[in-house]
Amino acid sequence: MSLACENTKRNKPPILAIENFYYMASIGIKRIYSYRHRCMGALIEKRFVIATSQCLSKVDVNAVRLGYARNVEGNVKKVHLHPKFSRYARDNSYVGLVELENELLYSANLYPICLCTSPTIPLKDAYIYYAYYDETSKLSAGQIRSRIVAYKNCLTLGESHLSNLICTENDNGTTIDMYTASNGPIVLLANGINDKDRLIAVDSKSENRDASYFSHQIISVYDNLDFIENIVWKGE
């Protein structure tokens, strides 16, 4: 597999936390005088954006706006839904892909996020971050940063610890309301073990378990790798 992110480097480190969202994508419907946001996604290659099959199946999207300021735009060529996806299923953990008509030009403010290719998410010195949005839900307004902890801190009576559940501890005093909505792409921060920031989830549903801990049911990138590779890097 050829990971596009491996060959890209920032010209300089981000000054503001918001600039960490160089890979963020708003997928939507463009008209002559308007644009309507429909799904959150992440750029993973010059012509591909990843999102959830659930969201992409709801409407015929035709445009993508990229970068934390949404100032780069691309037209949609094709939407690829996961072959196992069913809009009638109660729970759906499948990703989808948006293929663009033309390749994007990378810059210091726009380049792809690396994918997590490990079946396990580390607990030691592991942090995740994801965006929260302005009142229009279209522009990233800042980042939420959380420390991953053992799931026993989130476990409730009768609940099983499944592979698509992670537990995090509030790390920066962010209000509870910002944790409980659909979060969009979740990224594992680089550390001594993990050399690059890596996308671990395309989306999640979060639940506050007490004042400090939050349970996240994630749509895992690793669990969908075969589908992603067969479309994005087919033949490489």
Protein backbone atom coordinates (compact mmCIF):
# COMPACT_ATOMS: atom_id res chain seq x y z
CA MET A 1 0.00 0.00 0.00
CA SER A 2 1.21 3.48 -0.84
CA LEU A 3 0.27 5.98 1.85
CA ALA A 4 0.13 9.46 0.36
CA CYS A 5 0.80 11.06 3.72
CA GLU A 6 4.24 9.46 4.02
CA ASN A 7 5.66 11.69 1.30
CA THR A 8 4.33 15.03 2.50
CA LYS A 9 5.83 17.42 5.02
CA ARG A 10 4.72 20.73 6.44
CA ASN A 11 6.79 23.75 5.50
CA LYS A 12 6.50 24.85 9.14
CA PRO A 13 4.69 23.60 12.26
CA PRO A 14 1.22 24.97 12.96
CA ILE A 15 1.11 28.14 15.05
CA LEU A 16 -2.48 27.64 16.15
CA ALA A 17 -4.25 24.42 17.12
CA ILE A 18 -6.85 25.07 14.43
CA GLU A 19 -4.11 24.69 11.79
CA ASN A 20 -3.83 21.01 12.71
CA PHE A 21 -6.91 20.45 10.56
CA TYR A 22 -5.06 20.59 7.24
CA TYR A 23 -6.84 17.38 6.16
CA MET A 24 -10.42 18.31 7.11
CA ALA A 25 -13.12 18.16 4.46
CA SER A 26 -16.68 19.40 4.19
CA ILE A 27 -18.63 17.27 1.71
CA GLY A 28 -21.80 18.81 0.37
CA ILE A 29 -24.02 20.14 -2.37
CA LYS A 30 -22.93 23.11 -4.47
CA ARG A 31 -25.39 25.25 -6.37
CA ILE A 32 -24.76 28.38 -8.45
CA TYR A 33 -25.03 30.73 -5.49
CA SER A 34 -24.87 28.43 -2.49
CA TYR A 35 -23.16 25.51 -0.79
CA ARG A 36 -24.75 23.17 1.75
CA HIS A 37 -22.59 21.09 4.08
CA ARG A 38 -23.68 17.45 4.46
CA CYS A 39 -20.81 15.29 5.77
CA MET A 40 -17.48 15.68 7.53
CA GLY A 41 -14.50 13.86 6.09
CA ALA A 42 -10.72 13.72 5.81
CA LEU A 43 -8.34 13.99 2.87
CA ILE A 44 -6.26 10.79 2.51
CA GLU A 45 -4.91 11.14 -1.04
CA LYS A 46 -4.86 13.75 -3.83
CA ARG A 47 -8.19 12.53 -5.20
CA PHE A 48 -9.84 10.81 -2.23
CA VAL A 49 -11.70 11.94 0.87
CA ILE A 50 -12.92 9.49 3.50
CA ALA A 51 -16.23 9.80 5.37
CA THR A 52 -18.96 7.45 6.61
CA SER A 53 -21.06 5.40 4.21
CA GLN A 54 -24.07 6.27 6.35
CA CYS A 55 -23.74 10.00 5.68
CA LEU A 56 -22.71 9.69 2.03
CA SER A 57 -25.72 7.48 1.27
CA LYS A 58 -28.27 10.11 2.30
CA VAL A 59 -27.84 12.62 -0.52
CA ASP A 60 -26.09 13.08 -3.88
CA VAL A 61 -23.09 15.24 -2.96
CA ASN A 62 -21.21 17.04 -5.73
CA ALA A 63 -18.51 19.16 -4.05
CA VAL A 64 -15.85 19.04 -1.35
CA ARG A 65 -14.32 21.99 0.51
CA LEU A 66 -11.01 21.30 2.20
CA GLY A 67 -8.67 22.66 4.84
CA TYR A 68 -9.65 24.16 8.19
CA ALA A 69 -10.81 27.35 6.42
CA ARG A 70 -12.58 25.39 3.65
CA ASN A 71 -10.83 27.55 1.03
CA VAL A 72 -9.89 24.75 -1.40
CA GLU A 73 -12.66 23.17 -3.45
CA GLY A 74 -12.97 20.04 -5.56
CA ASN A 75 -15.79 18.49 -7.59
CA VAL A 76 -17.02 14.97 -6.87
CA LYS A 77 -16.48 12.35 -9.57
CA LYS A 78 -17.88 9.33 -7.71
CA VAL A 79 -18.98 8.19 -4.26
CA HIS A 80 -17.87 4.71 -3.18
CA LEU A 81 -19.98 3.10 -0.45
CA HIS A 82 -18.67 0.07 1.44
CA PRO A 83 -20.14 -3.11 -0.15
CA LYS A 84 -21.34 -4.34 3.27
CA PHE A 85 -23.10 -1.10 4.09
CA SER A 86 -26.88 -1.13 4.42
CA ARG A 87 -28.86 2.01 5.15
CA TYR A 88 -31.42 -0.18 6.89
CA ALA A 89 -28.97 -1.57 9.45
CA ARG A 90 -29.39 -0.28 13.00
CA ASP A 91 -25.68 0.11 13.64
CA ASN A 92 -23.29 0.87 10.82
CA SER A 93 -19.53 0.99 11.13
CA TYR A 94 -18.52 1.29 7.48
CA VAL A 95 -16.58 4.07 5.80
CA GLY A 96 -17.20 5.51 2.36
CA LEU A 97 -14.95 7.30 -0.10
CA VAL A 98 -15.43 10.40 -2.21
CA GLU A 99 -13.40 10.40 -5.43
CA LEU A 100 -12.63 13.84 -6.86
CA GLU A 101 -12.54 14.75 -10.54
CA ASN A 102 -9.02 16.20 -10.33
CA GLU A 103 -5.97 15.84 -8.13
CA LEU A 104 -5.48 18.46 -5.44
CA LEU A 105 -2.29 20.45 -5.00
CA TYR A 106 -0.77 19.96 -1.55
CA SER A 107 0.47 22.90 0.48
CA ALA A 108 1.51 23.67 4.05
CA ASN A 109 -2.19 24.13 4.84
CA LEU A 110 -3.61 21.22 2.85
CA TYR A 111 -2.25 17.69 2.75
CA PRO A 112 -3.51 14.20 3.63
CA ILE A 113 -3.72 12.62 7.05
CA CYS A 114 -1.99 9.28 7.55
CA LEU A 115 -4.15 6.23 8.24
CA CYS A 116 -3.84 4.07 11.34
CA THR A 117 -2.79 0.60 10.17
CA SER A 118 -2.47 -1.02 13.60
CA PRO A 119 -5.25 -3.19 15.08
CA THR A 120 -4.56 -1.81 18.56
CA ILE A 121 -4.61 1.74 19.85
CA PRO A 122 -1.87 2.42 22.43
CA LEU A 123 -2.76 3.57 25.94
CA LYS A 124 0.62 4.86 27.10
CA ASP A 125 1.10 8.57 26.37
CA ALA A 126 -1.68 8.39 23.77
CA TYR A 127 -3.76 11.43 22.90
CA ILE A 128 -6.45 12.04 20.32
CA TYR A 129 -7.81 15.25 18.87
CA TYR A 130 -10.77 16.25 16.77
CA ALA A 131 -12.56 19.40 15.73
CA TYR A 132 -15.46 21.30 17.09
CA TYR A 133 -17.36 23.68 14.84
CA ASP A 134 -18.79 27.18 14.69
CA GLU A 135 -22.52 27.89 14.90
CA THR A 136 -22.96 27.08 11.20
CA SER A 137 -21.35 23.64 11.65
CA LYS A 138 -19.30 24.36 8.52
CA LEU A 139 -15.99 25.73 9.80
CA SER A 140 -13.62 24.18 12.32
CA ALA A 141 -13.53 26.50 15.33
CA GLY A 142 -10.97 24.73 17.47
CA GLN A 143 -9.70 21.38 18.64
CA ILE A 144 -10.64 19.00 21.43
CA ARG A 145 -7.68 17.12 22.88
CA SER A 146 -8.16 14.05 25.08
CA ARG A 147 -5.98 11.39 26.69
CA ILE A 148 -6.80 7.76 25.92
CA VAL A 149 -7.22 5.66 29.08
CA ALA A 150 -8.14 2.05 29.86
CA TYR A 151 -11.76 1.34 29.00
CA LYS A 152 -12.49 0.18 32.54
CA ASN A 153 -12.80 3.88 33.38
CA CYS A 154 -15.82 4.11 31.07
CA LEU A 155 -17.29 0.62 31.50
CA THR A 156 -20.85 0.50 32.80
CA LEU A 157 -22.78 -2.43 34.27
CA GLY A 158 -23.69 -4.94 31.58
CA GLU A 159 -21.55 -3.30 28.89
CA SER A 160 -18.96 -5.23 26.92
CA HIS A 161 -15.67 -3.67 25.87
CA LEU A 162 -15.75 -3.98 22.09
CA SER A 163 -12.89 -3.15 19.73
CA ASN A 164 -14.73 -0.09 18.44
CA LEU A 165 -14.99 1.51 21.89
CA ILE A 166 -12.35 3.80 23.38
CA CYS A 167 -12.33 5.76 26.60
CA THR A 168 -10.81 9.22 26.95
CA GLU A 169 -10.21 11.65 29.76
CA ASN A 170 -10.90 15.35 29.39
CA ASP A 171 -7.48 16.96 29.00
CA ASN A 172 -8.14 20.62 28.35
CA GLY A 173 -11.26 21.68 30.19
CA THR A 174 -13.50 21.46 27.14
CA THR A 175 -17.19 21.60 27.96
CA ILE A 176 -19.23 18.42 27.87
CA ASP A 177 -21.49 19.66 25.06
CA MET A 178 -18.55 19.63 22.65
CA TYR A 179 -17.95 15.94 23.26
CA THR A 180 -21.39 14.47 22.80
CA ALA A 181 -22.24 15.29 19.18
CA SER A 182 -20.92 13.54 16.08
CA ASN A 183 -17.22 14.30 16.19
CA GLY A 184 -16.03 13.71 12.65
CA PRO A 185 -12.49 12.42 12.02
CA ILE A 186 -10.50 11.44 15.14
CA VAL A 187 -6.71 11.58 15.00
CA LEU A 188 -4.13 9.86 17.20
CA LEU A 189 -1.35 12.32 18.00
CA ALA A 190 2.22 11.42 17.12
CA ASN A 191 4.46 10.41 20.02
CA GLY A 192 7.54 8.30 20.64
CA ILE A 193 5.78 5.15 19.42
CA ASN A 194 3.66 6.72 16.71
CA ASP A 195 5.80 8.74 14.27
CA LYS A 196 2.99 10.67 12.60
CA ASP A 197 -0.49 11.86 13.48
CA ARG A 198 -2.80 9.11 12.26
CA LEU A 199 -6.52 8.89 11.52
CA ILE A 200 -8.04 6.20 13.75
CA ALA A 201 -11.73 6.92 13.17
CA VAL A 202 -13.88 8.60 10.54
CA ASP A 203 -16.57 9.47 13.06
CA SER A 204 -17.80 8.55 16.52
CA LYS A 205 -20.68 8.81 18.92
CA SER A 206 -19.61 9.95 22.36
CA GLU A 207 -21.17 9.63 25.78
CA ASN A 208 -20.17 11.33 29.00
CA ARG A 209 -19.64 8.69 31.72
CA ASP A 210 -18.80 11.08 34.56
CA ALA A 211 -17.17 14.47 35.02
CA SER A 212 -13.91 13.37 33.39
CA TYR A 213 -14.39 10.32 31.17
CA PHE A 214 -16.03 9.90 27.78
CA SER A 215 -16.86 6.71 25.89
CA HIS A 216 -16.46 6.89 22.10
CA GLN A 217 -18.02 4.36 19.73
CA ILE A 218 -15.83 4.82 16.68
CA ILE A 219 -16.09 3.99 12.99
CA SER A 220 -12.62 2.51 12.79
CA VAL A 221 -10.21 3.12 9.91
CA TYR A 222 -8.34 -0.12 10.60
CA ASP A 223 -11.52 -2.20 10.34
CA ASN A 224 -12.12 -0.76 6.85
CA LEU A 225 -8.56 -0.88 5.48
CA ASP A 226 -9.18 -3.54 2.82
CA PHE A 227 -11.98 -1.49 1.28
CA ILE A 228 -9.91 1.71 1.39
CA GLU A 229 -6.77 0.16 -0.12
CA ASN A 230 -8.63 -1.61 -2.93
CA ILE A 231 -10.04 1.68 -4.19
CA VAL A 232 -7.48 4.35 -3.33
CA TRP A 233 -4.25 2.42 -3.92
CA LYS A 234 -5.42 -0.34 -6.23
CA GLY A 235 -2.54 -1.77 -8.25
CA GLU A 236 0.22 -0.11 -6.19
